Amino acid sequence: MRTLITGGAGFIGSHLSERFLAEGHSVVCVDNFITGRPENIRHLVDNPKFRVIVHDISKPLFVDGLIDNVLHFASPASPVDYQKSPIQTLKVGSLGSHVALGIAKAHGARYLTASTSEVYGDPEIHPQTEDYWGHVNPVGERSMYDESKRFAEAMTMAYHREHGVRTHIVRIFNTYGERMRLDDGRVLPNFVGQALRGESLTVYGEGQQTRSFCYVSDLVDGIFRLLHSDYHMPVNIGNPSELTILEFAKEILKHTGSKSQIVYKPLPSDDPKQRRPDISLARKLLGWEPKVSREEGLKQTIEHFRKKVG
């Protein structure tokens, strides 16, 4: 099997590259390294089954040889990154999806696109199920990411319905683990970096907004199972264990042993008040549910960040 992964040098993409190599696949990693990092795949580049193409998938790409699977994971994924590159984010979700789907169609390959819990916006139902259409601000400060992913889902379904491409859509909830960047801008690297440096932890609002955190190996396992299913509609993959941001900040202080204080700042615009996946479909369809506890996952992730800080 030969699998093409766009964004294959990113946080999640590099873990996917590892998993598919471990499963015996040849992997073609396509990345322009806007947010991906060479060090994420440095341990893979000497593998004869691993090939890197430095390319912006928003532009046409010809890949020679057979391709069995195409996974589209190229996109900035943190508010810091996509607000810094809003047009590129919209292009990779629209033009990039078109290019990646065209490759899958040309090769008769399976296709899986990385969507996100952000398509639910600031949800009015809780937990979020796949049949919920969302409560999204299409012109807000986060809209470039939300709308990019919503368009990518629509394009994916259009290729499935019109061209018969075997497509899959994963809606990813908050994920963490090794290879996240300290300057990523998401809550976990922010908190851990601040705690390890002895800085105050920044909590927005009163910290009562909720999140659910899934360890990256669990996510990758869910994605692998979804790709090999015959299901074409969106599937939530995430950990339904929910906690408030304030509770999470206190957990980080406990696990790092930090004496840092917690400071409060105004809540950013369009920040979702609650986020927790309903994973009933993933359980039934894929026999999947997360296995790594937050305590275990945080221990490994914090050790990864200690090396970056120290």
C-alpha atoms as a PDB file:
ATOM      1  CA  MET A   1       0.000   0.000   0.000  1.00  0.00           C
ATOM      2  CA  ARG A   2       1.148   3.551  -0.764  1.00  0.00           C
ATOM      3  CA  THR A   3      -0.333   6.440   1.215  1.00  0.00           C
ATOM      4  CA  LEU A   4      -0.025  10.167   0.520  1.00  0.00           C
ATOM      5  CA  ILE A   5      -0.369  12.464   3.538  1.00  0.00           C
ATOM      6  CA  THR A   6      -0.614  16.220   3.029  1.00  0.00           C
ATOM      7  CA  GLY A   7       0.700  18.067   6.064  1.00  0.00           C
ATOM      8  CA  GLY A   8       2.679  14.926   6.807  1.00  0.00           C
ATOM      9  CA  ALA A   9       5.357  16.852   8.728  1.00  0.00           C
ATOM     10  CA  GLY A  10       2.867  18.507  11.062  1.00  0.00           C
ATOM     11  CA  PHE A  11       1.970  17.510  14.602  1.00  0.00           C
ATOM     12  CA  ILE A  12      -0.744  15.008  13.673  1.00  0.00           C
ATOM     13  CA  GLY A  13       0.579  14.339  10.175  1.00  0.00           C
ATOM     14  CA  SER A  14       3.952  13.123  11.432  1.00  0.00           C
ATOM     15  CA  HIS A  15       2.268  10.673  13.809  1.00  0.00           C
ATOM     16  CA  LEU A  16       0.138   9.445  10.903  1.00  0.00           C
ATOM     17  CA  SER A  17       3.277   9.022   8.791  1.00  0.00           C
ATOM     18  CA  GLU A  18       4.759   6.863  11.557  1.00  0.00           C
ATOM     19  CA  ARG A  19       1.623   4.749  11.894  1.00  0.00           C
ATOM     20  CA  PHE A  20       1.288   4.016   8.187  1.00  0.00           C
ATOM     21  CA  LEU A  21       4.990   3.131   7.907  1.00  0.00           C
ATOM     22  CA  ALA A  22       4.545   0.797  10.887  1.00  0.00           C
ATOM     23  CA  GLU A  23       1.619  -0.831   9.057  1.00  0.00           C
ATOM     24  CA  GLY A  24       3.937  -1.578   6.101  1.00  0.00           C
ATOM     25  CA  HIS A  25       2.816   1.250   3.813  1.00  0.00           C
ATOM     26  CA  SER A  26       5.035   3.441   1.709  1.00  0.00           C
ATOM     27  CA  VAL A  27       4.330   7.058   2.669  1.00  0.00           C
ATOM     28  CA  VAL A  28       4.515  10.178   0.514  1.00  0.00           C
ATOM     29  CA  CYS A  29       4.641  13.229   2.796  1.00  0.00           C
ATOM     30  CA  VAL A  30       3.596  16.498   1.158  1.00  0.00           C
ATOM     31  CA  ASP A  31       4.312  19.611   3.226  1.00  0.00           C
ATOM     32  CA  ASN A  32       5.325  23.226   2.622  1.00  0.00           C
ATOM     33  CA  PHE A  33       6.565  23.583   6.223  1.00  0.00           C
ATOM     34  CA  ILE A  34       4.499  26.656   7.079  1.00  0.00           C
ATOM     35  CA  THR A  35       3.541  25.037  10.377  1.00  0.00           C
ATOM     36  CA  GLY A  36       5.043  21.565   9.905  1.00  0.00           C
ATOM     37  CA  ARG A  37       8.598  21.042  11.119  1.00  0.00           C
ATOM     38  CA  PRO A  38      11.504  19.066   9.573  1.00  0.00           C
ATOM     39  CA  GLU A  39      12.404  17.735  13.032  1.00  0.00           C
ATOM     40  CA  ASN A  40       9.002  16.021  13.242  1.00  0.00           C
ATOM     41  CA  ILE A  41      10.021  13.630  10.461  1.00  0.00           C
ATOM     42  CA  ARG A  42      13.807  13.615  10.837  1.00  0.00           C
ATOM     43  CA  HIS A  43      13.699  10.074  12.236  1.00  0.00           C
ATOM     44  CA  LEU A  44      11.751   8.909   9.158  1.00  0.00           C
ATOM     45  CA  VAL A  45      13.714  10.372   6.263  1.00  0.00           C
ATOM     46  CA  ASP A  46      16.204   7.494   6.017  1.00  0.00           C
ATOM     47  CA  ASN A  47      13.385   4.979   5.649  1.00  0.00           C
ATOM     48  CA  PRO A  48      13.325   3.917   1.976  1.00  0.00           C
ATOM     49  CA  LYS A  49       9.530   3.743   2.156  1.00  0.00           C
ATOM     50  CA  PHE A  50       9.258   7.418   3.142  1.00  0.00           C
ATOM     51  CA  ARG A  51       9.357  10.215   0.573  1.00  0.00           C
ATOM     52  CA  VAL A  52       9.037  13.955   1.194  1.00  0.00           C
ATOM     53  CA  ILE A  53       7.685  16.375  -1.401  1.00  0.00           C
ATOM     54  CA  VAL A  54       8.056  20.037  -0.411  1.00  0.00           C
ATOM     55  CA  HIS A  55       4.957  21.558  -1.958  1.00  0.00           C
ATOM     56  CA  ASP A  56       1.959  23.800  -1.262  1.00  0.00           C
ATOM     57  CA  ILE A  57      -1.002  21.481  -1.861  1.00  0.00           C
ATOM     58  CA  SER A  58      -3.135  24.514  -2.786  1.00  0.00           C
ATOM     59  CA  LYS A  59      -1.269  24.366  -6.098  1.00  0.00           C
ATOM     60  CA  PRO A  60      -1.505  21.516  -8.644  1.00  0.00           C
ATOM     61  CA  LEU A  61       0.580  18.424  -7.904  1.00  0.00           C
ATOM     62  CA  PHE A  62       1.328  15.362 -10.016  1.00  0.00           C
ATOM     63  CA  VAL A  63       2.391  12.258  -8.120  1.00  0.00           C
ATOM     64  CA  ASP A  64       3.780   9.371 -10.150  1.00  0.00           C
ATOM     65  CA  GLY A  65       3.171   5.725  -9.340  1.00  0.00           C
ATOM     66  CA  LEU A  66       0.172   4.169  -7.660  1.00  0.00           C
ATOM     67  CA  ILE A  67      -1.520   5.808  -4.677  1.00  0.00           C
ATOM     68  CA  ASP A  68      -3.879   3.750  -2.506  1.00  0.00           C
ATOM     69  CA  ASN A  69      -4.830   6.356   0.102  1.00  0.00           C
ATOM     70  CA  VAL A  70      -4.844  10.153   0.293  1.00  0.00           C
ATOM     71  CA  LEU A  71      -5.106  11.845   3.701  1.00  0.00           C
ATOM     72  CA  HIS A  72      -5.562  15.623   3.601  1.00  0.00           C
ATOM     73  CA  PHE A  73      -4.121  17.063   6.820  1.00  0.00           C
ATOM     74  CA  ALA A  74      -2.449  20.201   5.465  1.00  0.00           C
ATOM     75  CA  SER A  75      -3.695  23.290   7.293  1.00  0.00           C
ATOM     76  CA  PRO A  76      -2.749  25.650  10.073  1.00  0.00           C
ATOM     77  CA  ALA A  77      -4.715  24.345  13.054  1.00  0.00           C
ATOM     78  CA  SER A  78      -4.186  26.748  15.960  1.00  0.00           C
ATOM     79  CA  PRO A  79      -5.707  30.241  16.293  1.00  0.00           C
ATOM     80  CA  VAL A  80      -2.248  31.824  16.317  1.00  0.00           C
ATOM     81  CA  ASP A  81      -1.338  30.134  13.037  1.00  0.00           C
ATOM     82  CA  TYR A  82      -4.560  30.494  11.080  1.00  0.00           C
ATOM     83  CA  GLN A  83      -5.126  34.090  12.154  1.00  0.00           C
ATOM     84  CA  LYS A  84      -1.591  34.866  10.979  1.00  0.00           C
ATOM     85  CA  SER A  85      -2.234  33.128   7.617  1.00  0.00           C
ATOM     86  CA  PRO A  86      -5.982  33.525   7.002  1.00  0.00           C
ATOM     87  CA  ILE A  87      -5.926  33.413   3.198  1.00  0.00           C
ATOM     88  CA  GLN A  88      -3.544  30.457   3.091  1.00  0.00           C
ATOM     89  CA  THR A  89      -5.829  28.646   5.556  1.00  0.00           C
ATOM     90  CA  LEU A  90      -8.858  29.232   3.344  1.00  0.00           C
ATOM     91  CA  LYS A  91      -6.920  28.194   0.246  1.00  0.00           C
ATOM     92  CA  VAL A  92      -5.667  24.911   1.705  1.00  0.00           C
ATOM     93  CA  GLY A  93      -9.216  23.973   2.715  1.00  0.00           C
ATOM     94  CA  SER A  94     -10.675  24.863  -0.677  1.00  0.00           C
ATOM     95  CA  LEU A  95      -8.047  24.672  -3.427  1.00  0.00           C
ATOM     96  CA  GLY A  96      -5.996  22.172  -1.417  1.00  0.00           C
ATOM     97  CA  SER A  97      -9.004  19.908  -0.984  1.00  0.00           C
ATOM     98  CA  HIS A  98      -9.676  20.139  -4.720  1.00  0.00           C
ATOM     99  CA  VAL A  99      -6.090  19.139  -5.550  1.00  0.00           C
ATOM    100  CA  ALA A 100      -5.977  16.301  -2.995  1.00  0.00           C
ATOM    101  CA  LEU A 101      -9.370  14.954  -4.066  1.00  0.00           C
ATOM    102  CA  GLY A 102      -8.235  15.129  -7.695  1.00  0.00           C
ATOM    103  CA  ILE A 103      -5.223  12.960  -6.838  1.00  0.00           C
ATOM    104  CA  ALA A 104      -7.482  10.435  -5.088  1.00  0.00           C
ATOM    105  CA  LYS A 105      -9.877  10.389  -8.050  1.00  0.00           C
ATOM    106  CA  ALA A 106      -7.052   9.943 -10.590  1.00  0.00           C
ATOM    107  CA  HIS A 107      -5.570   7.014  -8.646  1.00  0.00           C
ATOM    108  CA  GLY A 108      -8.822   5.404  -7.535  1.00  0.00           C
ATOM    109  CA  ALA A 109      -7.605   5.910  -3.957  1.00  0.00           C
ATOM    110  CA  ARG A 110      -9.422   6.149  -0.670  1.00  0.00           C
ATOM    111  CA  TYR A 111      -9.589   9.711   0.620  1.00  0.00           C
ATOM    112  CA  LEU A 112      -9.824  11.037   4.179  1.00  0.00           C
ATOM    113  CA  THR A 113     -10.024  14.702   5.102  1.00  0.00           C
ATOM    114  CA  ALA A 114      -9.180  16.202   8.481  1.00  0.00           C
ATOM    115  CA  SER A 115     -12.138  18.241   9.601  1.00  0.00           C
ATOM    116  CA  THR A 116     -12.579  19.654  13.070  1.00  0.00           C
ATOM    117  CA  SER A 117     -14.900  20.186  15.995  1.00  0.00           C
ATOM    118  CA  GLU A 118     -14.714  23.866  15.009  1.00  0.00           C
ATOM    119  CA  VAL A 119     -17.399  23.162  12.397  1.00  0.00           C
ATOM    120  CA  TYR A 120     -19.791  23.089  15.370  1.00  0.00           C
ATOM    121  CA  GLY A 121     -18.762  26.660  16.281  1.00  0.00           C
ATOM    122  CA  ASP A 122     -20.004  27.770  19.695  1.00  0.00           C
ATOM    123  CA  PRO A 123     -22.408  24.849  20.027  1.00  0.00           C
ATOM    124  CA  GLU A 124     -25.968  25.130  21.251  1.00  0.00           C
ATOM    125  CA  ILE A 125     -26.226  21.376  21.908  1.00  0.00           C
ATOM    126  CA  HIS A 126     -23.951  19.393  24.192  1.00  0.00           C
ATOM    127  CA  PRO A 127     -22.228  17.026  23.676  1.00  0.00           C
ATOM    128  CA  GLN A 128     -21.846  17.489  19.924  1.00  0.00           C
ATOM    129  CA  THR A 129     -23.183  14.787  17.615  1.00  0.00           C
ATOM    130  CA  GLU A 130     -22.361  14.427  13.933  1.00  0.00           C
ATOM    131  CA  ASP A 131     -25.900  15.365  12.870  1.00  0.00           C
ATOM    132  CA  TYR A 132     -25.619  18.801  14.532  1.00  0.00           C
ATOM    133  CA  TRP A 133     -25.116  21.501  11.886  1.00  0.00           C
ATOM    134  CA  GLY A 134     -23.325  23.916  14.150  1.00  0.00           C
ATOM    135  CA  HIS A 135     -23.553  27.506  15.377  1.00  0.00           C
ATOM    136  CA  VAL A 136     -20.779  29.277  13.465  1.00  0.00           C
ATOM    137  CA  ASN A 137     -19.955  32.927  12.832  1.00  0.00           C
ATOM    138  CA  PRO A 138     -18.938  32.972   9.120  1.00  0.00           C
ATOM    139  CA  VAL A 139     -17.264  36.403   9.382  1.00  0.00           C
ATOM    140  CA  GLY A 140     -15.704  36.171  12.856  1.00  0.00           C
ATOM    141  CA  GLU A 141     -12.051  36.170  13.861  1.00  0.00           C
ATOM    142  CA  ARG A 142     -11.897  32.360  13.655  1.00  0.00           C
ATOM    143  CA  SER A 143     -13.976  32.075  10.489  1.00  0.00           C
ATOM    144  CA  MET A 144     -11.072  31.390   8.147  1.00  0.00           C
ATOM    145  CA  TYR A 145     -10.513  28.026   9.855  1.00  0.00           C
ATOM    146  CA  ASP A 146     -14.162  27.121  10.489  1.00  0.00           C
ATOM    147  CA  GLU A 147     -15.255  27.902   6.938  1.00  0.00           C
ATOM    148  CA  SER A 148     -12.190  26.272   5.391  1.00  0.00           C
ATOM    149  CA  LYS A 149     -13.099  22.996   7.085  1.00  0.00           C
ATOM    150  CA  ARG A 150     -16.824  23.300   6.360  1.00  0.00           C
ATOM    151  CA  PHE A 151     -16.013  23.847   2.675  1.00  0.00           C
ATOM    152  CA  ALA A 152     -13.595  20.904   2.718  1.00  0.00           C
ATOM    153  CA  GLU A 153     -16.377  18.648   4.022  1.00  0.00           C
ATOM    154  CA  ALA A 154     -18.737  19.862   1.282  1.00  0.00           C
ATOM    155  CA  MET A 155     -16.108  19.328  -1.431  1.00  0.00           C
ATOM    156  CA  THR A 156     -15.361  15.865  -0.085  1.00  0.00           C
ATOM    157  CA  MET A 157     -19.019  14.846  -0.225  1.00  0.00           C
ATOM    158  CA  ALA A 158     -19.365  16.322  -3.734  1.00  0.00           C
ATOM    159  CA  TYR A 159     -16.504  14.139  -5.000  1.00  0.00           C
ATOM    160  CA  HIS A 160     -18.064  11.125  -3.330  1.00  0.00           C
ATOM    161  CA  ARG A 161     -21.516  11.737  -4.814  1.00  0.00           C
ATOM    162  CA  GLU A 162     -20.479  12.884  -8.281  1.00  0.00           C
ATOM    163  CA  HIS A 163     -17.302  10.883  -8.908  1.00  0.00           C
ATOM    164  CA  GLY A 164     -17.707   7.901  -6.595  1.00  0.00           C
ATOM    165  CA  VAL A 165     -14.496   8.603  -4.680  1.00  0.00           C
ATOM    166  CA  ARG A 166     -14.331   6.536  -1.478  1.00  0.00           C
ATOM    167  CA  THR A 167     -14.233   9.427   0.941  1.00  0.00           C
ATOM    168  CA  HIS A 168     -14.097   9.758   4.733  1.00  0.00           C
ATOM    169  CA  ILE A 169     -14.409  12.770   7.052  1.00  0.00           C
ATOM    170  CA  VAL A 170     -12.951  12.857  10.560  1.00  0.00           C
ATOM    171  CA  ARG A 171     -14.012  15.648  12.901  1.00  0.00           C
ATOM    172  CA  ILE A 172     -11.059  16.043  15.245  1.00  0.00           C
ATOM    173  CA  PHE A 173     -11.531  17.374  18.756  1.00  0.00           C
ATOM    174  CA  ASN A 174      -8.746  18.876  20.890  1.00  0.00           C
ATOM    175  CA  THR A 175      -5.678  16.667  20.501  1.00  0.00           C
ATOM    176  CA  TYR A 176      -2.352  16.814  22.297  1.00  0.00           C
ATOM    177  CA  GLY A 177       0.936  14.953  22.493  1.00  0.00           C
ATOM    178  CA  GLU A 178       4.581  14.979  21.483  1.00  0.00           C
ATOM    179  CA  ARG A 179       5.595  17.275  18.607  1.00  0.00           C
ATOM    180  CA  MET A 180       3.179  20.052  19.441  1.00  0.00           C
ATOM    181  CA  ARG A 181       5.026  23.353  19.180  1.00  0.00           C
ATOM    182  CA  LEU A 182       5.523  25.419  22.328  1.00  0.00           C
ATOM    183  CA  ASP A 183       4.484  28.507  20.330  1.00  0.00           C
ATOM    184  CA  ASP A 184       1.465  26.683  18.918  1.00  0.00           C
ATOM    185  CA  GLY A 185      -0.939  29.037  20.681  1.00  0.00           C
ATOM    186  CA  ARG A 186      -3.354  26.345  21.826  1.00  0.00           C
ATOM    187  CA  VAL A 187      -4.208  25.992  25.476  1.00  0.00           C
ATOM    188  CA  LEU A 188      -2.092  22.947  26.336  1.00  0.00           C
ATOM    189  CA  PRO A 189       1.300  24.154  25.028  1.00  0.00           C
ATOM    190  CA  ASN A 190       0.509  27.621  26.391  1.00  0.00           C
ATOM    191  CA  PHE A 191      -0.128  26.278  29.890  1.00  0.00           C
ATOM    192  CA  VAL A 192       2.752  23.798  29.899  1.00  0.00           C
ATOM    193  CA  GLY A 193       5.236  26.303  28.502  1.00  0.00           C
ATOM    194  CA  GLN A 194       4.205  28.943  31.034  1.00  0.00           C
ATOM    195  CA  ALA A 195       4.347  26.445  33.910  1.00  0.00           C
ATOM    196  CA  LEU A 196       7.798  25.132  32.973  1.00  0.00           C
ATOM    197  CA  ARG A 197       9.175  28.656  32.574  1.00  0.00           C
ATOM    198  CA  GLY A 198       7.699  29.752  35.919  1.00  0.00           C
ATOM    199  CA  GLU A 199       5.378  32.250  34.232  1.00  0.00           C
ATOM    200  CA  SER A 200       1.776  32.910  35.196  1.00  0.00           C
ATOM    201  CA  LEU A 201      -0.768  30.700  33.413  1.00  0.00           C
ATOM    202  CA  THR A 202      -3.128  32.762  31.264  1.00  0.00           C
ATOM    203  CA  VAL A 203      -6.788  31.807  31.625  1.00  0.00           C
ATOM    204  CA  TYR A 204      -9.308  33.626  29.440  1.00  0.00           C
ATOM    205  CA  GLY A 205     -12.627  34.750  30.881  1.00  0.00           C
ATOM    206  CA  GLU A 206     -13.339  32.977  34.165  1.00  0.00           C
ATOM    207  CA  GLY A 207     -11.984  29.696  32.832  1.00  0.00           C
ATOM    208  CA  GLN A 208     -15.406  28.031  32.871  1.00  0.00           C
ATOM    209  CA  GLN A 209     -15.348  27.152  29.169  1.00  0.00           C
ATOM    210  CA  THR A 210     -14.862  23.405  28.721  1.00  0.00           C
ATOM    211  CA  ARG A 211     -12.668  21.267  26.495  1.00  0.00           C
ATOM    212  CA  SER A 212     -12.021  17.540  26.005  1.00  0.00           C
ATOM    213  CA  PHE A 213      -8.453  16.419  25.282  1.00  0.00           C
ATOM    214  CA  CYS A 214      -7.508  13.341  23.241  1.00  0.00           C
ATOM    215  CA  TYR A 215      -3.988  11.911  23.178  1.00  0.00           C
ATOM    216  CA  VAL A 216      -2.530  11.783  19.685  1.00  0.00           C
ATOM    217  CA  SER A 217      -2.030   7.989  19.508  1.00  0.00           C
ATOM    218  CA  ASP A 218      -5.733   7.478  20.204  1.00  0.00           C
ATOM    219  CA  LEU A 219      -6.662   9.945  17.469  1.00  0.00           C
ATOM    220  CA  VAL A 220      -4.350   8.268  14.947  1.00  0.00           C
ATOM    221  CA  ASP A 221      -5.877   4.864  15.726  1.00  0.00           C
ATOM    222  CA  GLY A 222      -9.373   6.239  15.136  1.00  0.00           C
ATOM    223  CA  ILE A 223      -8.308   7.797  11.832  1.00  0.00           C
ATOM    224  CA  PHE A 224      -6.702   4.554  10.671  1.00  0.00           C
ATOM    225  CA  ARG A 225      -9.879   2.612  11.446  1.00  0.00           C
ATOM    226  CA  LEU A 226     -12.105   5.194   9.750  1.00  0.00           C
ATOM    227  CA  LEU A 227     -10.021   5.141   6.556  1.00  0.00           C
ATOM    228  CA  HIS A 228     -10.567   1.403   6.237  1.00  0.00           C
ATOM    229  CA  SER A 229     -14.312   1.576   6.869  1.00  0.00           C
ATOM    230  CA  ASP A 230     -17.041   1.976   4.269  1.00  0.00           C
ATOM    231  CA  TYR A 231     -18.617   4.970   6.008  1.00  0.00           C
ATOM    232  CA  HIS A 232     -18.587   8.301   4.175  1.00  0.00           C
ATOM    233  CA  MET A 233     -20.312  10.787   6.490  1.00  0.00           C
ATOM    234  CA  PRO A 234     -18.464  12.703   9.245  1.00  0.00           C
ATOM    235  CA  VAL A 235     -17.288  10.884  12.383  1.00  0.00           C
ATOM    236  CA  ASN A 236     -16.235  12.525  15.654  1.00  0.00           C
ATOM    237  CA  ILE A 237     -12.901  11.351  17.031  1.00  0.00           C
ATOM    238  CA  GLY A 238     -12.013  12.747  20.430  1.00  0.00           C
ATOM    239  CA  ASN A 239     -12.006  12.045  24.133  1.00  0.00           C
ATOM    240  CA  PRO A 240     -15.358  12.721  25.841  1.00  0.00           C
ATOM    241  CA  SER A 241     -13.703  13.361  29.229  1.00  0.00           C
ATOM    242  CA  GLU A 242     -14.584  17.034  29.755  1.00  0.00           C
ATOM    243  CA  LEU A 243     -13.173  19.619  32.146  1.00  0.00           C
ATOM    244  CA  THR A 244     -13.079  23.383  32.499  1.00  0.00           C
ATOM    245  CA  ILE A 245     -10.064  25.375  31.375  1.00  0.00           C
ATOM    246  CA  LEU A 246      -9.515  26.476  34.973  1.00  0.00           C
ATOM    247  CA  GLU A 247      -9.502  22.846  36.121  1.00  0.00           C
ATOM    248  CA  PHE A 248      -7.086  22.040  33.312  1.00  0.00           C
ATOM    249  CA  ALA A 249      -4.736  24.849  34.367  1.00  0.00           C
ATOM    250  CA  LYS A 250      -4.652  23.413  37.894  1.00  0.00           C
ATOM    251  CA  GLU A 251      -3.914  19.941  36.487  1.00  0.00           C
ATOM    252  CA  ILE A 252      -0.959  21.333  34.535  1.00  0.00           C
ATOM    253  CA  LEU A 253       0.406  23.012  37.666  1.00  0.00           C
ATOM    254  CA  LYS A 254       0.097  19.721  39.542  1.00  0.00           C
ATOM    255  CA  HIS A 255       1.782  17.593  36.851  1.00  0.00           C
ATOM    256  CA  THR A 256       4.623  20.055  36.241  1.00  0.00           C
ATOM    257  CA  GLY A 257       5.191  20.790  39.927  1.00  0.00           C
ATOM    258  CA  SER A 258       5.127  24.487  39.023  1.00  0.00           C
ATOM    259  CA  LYS A 259       4.464  27.246  41.567  1.00  0.00           C
ATOM    260  CA  SER A 260       3.144  29.560  38.853  1.00  0.00           C
ATOM    261  CA  GLN A 261       0.088  31.678  39.507  1.00  0.00           C
ATOM    262  CA  ILE A 262      -3.062  31.842  37.364  1.00  0.00           C
ATOM    263  CA  VAL A 263      -3.978  35.192  35.783  1.00  0.00           C
ATOM    264  CA  TYR A 264      -7.205  36.055  33.979  1.00  0.00           C
ATOM    265  CA  LYS A 265      -7.638  37.947  30.698  1.00  0.00           C
ATOM    266  CA  PRO A 266     -10.727  38.835  28.611  1.00  0.00           C
ATOM    267  CA  LEU A 267     -12.298  36.004  26.631  1.00  0.00           C
ATOM    268  CA  PRO A 268     -11.383  36.109  22.901  1.00  0.00           C
ATOM    269  CA  SER A 269     -14.108  36.635  20.310  1.00  0.00           C
ATOM    270  CA  ASP A 270     -16.051  33.503  19.247  1.00  0.00           C
ATOM    271  CA  ASP A 271     -14.254  31.266  21.762  1.00  0.00           C
ATOM    272  CA  PRO A 272     -16.520  28.198  22.181  1.00  0.00           C
ATOM    273  CA  LYS A 273     -18.040  27.926  25.648  1.00  0.00           C
ATOM    274  CA  GLN A 274     -18.161  24.146  25.655  1.00  0.00           C
ATOM    275  CA  ARG A 275     -16.733  21.339  23.606  1.00  0.00           C
ATOM    276  CA  ARG A 276     -17.190  17.606  24.089  1.00  0.00           C
ATOM    277  CA  PRO A 277     -17.625  14.929  21.413  1.00  0.00           C
ATOM    278  CA  ASP A 278     -20.373  12.375  21.360  1.00  0.00           C
ATOM    279  CA  ILE A 279     -18.395   9.327  20.174  1.00  0.00           C
ATOM    280  CA  SER A 280     -21.304   6.883  20.028  1.00  0.00           C
ATOM    281  CA  LEU A 281     -20.895   6.572  16.256  1.00  0.00           C
ATOM    282  CA  ALA A 282     -17.137   5.878  16.468  1.00  0.00           C
ATOM    283  CA  ARG A 283     -17.767   3.236  19.125  1.00  0.00           C
ATOM    284  CA  LYS A 284     -20.451   1.515  17.050  1.00  0.00           C
ATOM    285  CA  LEU A 285     -18.904   1.922  13.603  1.00  0.00           C
ATOM    286  CA  LEU A 286     -15.197   1.518  14.342  1.00  0.00           C
ATOM    287  CA  GLY A 287     -15.087  -0.221  17.708  1.00  0.00           C
ATOM    288  CA  TRP A 288     -12.992   2.761  18.783  1.00  0.00           C
ATOM    289  CA  GLU A 289     -12.692   4.714  21.983  1.00  0.00           C
ATOM    290  CA  PRO A 290      -9.721   6.449  23.619  1.00  0.00           C
ATOM    291  CA  LYS A 291      -7.390   4.300  25.700  1.00  0.00           C
ATOM    292  CA  VAL A 292      -4.811   6.772  27.043  1.00  0.00           C
ATOM    293  CA  SER A 293      -5.845   8.542  30.243  1.00  0.00           C
ATOM    294  CA  ARG A 294      -5.273  12.277  30.485  1.00  0.00           C
ATOM    295  CA  GLU A 295      -2.860  11.709  33.379  1.00  0.00           C
ATOM    296  CA  GLU A 296      -0.726   9.318  31.320  1.00  0.00           C
ATOM    297  CA  GLY A 297      -0.881  11.450  28.177  1.00  0.00           C
ATOM    298  CA  LEU A 298       0.011  14.634  30.029  1.00  0.00           C
ATOM    299  CA  LYS A 299       2.991  12.964  31.684  1.00  0.00           C
ATOM    300  CA  GLN A 300       4.459  12.016  28.298  1.00  0.00           C
ATOM    301  CA  THR A 301       3.632  15.373  26.704  1.00  0.00           C
ATOM    302  CA  ILE A 302       5.092  17.402  29.563  1.00  0.00           C
ATOM    303  CA  GLU A 303       8.339  15.407  29.374  1.00  0.00           C
ATOM    304  CA  HIS A 304       8.489  16.261  25.662  1.00  0.00           C
ATOM    305  CA  PHE A 305       8.091  19.957  26.454  1.00  0.00           C
ATOM    306  CA  ARG A 306      10.652  19.868  29.289  1.00  0.00           C
ATOM    307  CA  LYS A 307      13.306  19.040  26.698  1.00  0.00           C
ATOM    308  CA  LYS A 308      12.208  22.006  24.593  1.00  0.00           C
ATOM    309  CA  VAL A 309      12.230  24.437  27.502  1.00  0.00           C
ATOM    310  CA  GLY A 310      15.270  23.066  29.331  1.00  0.00           C
END
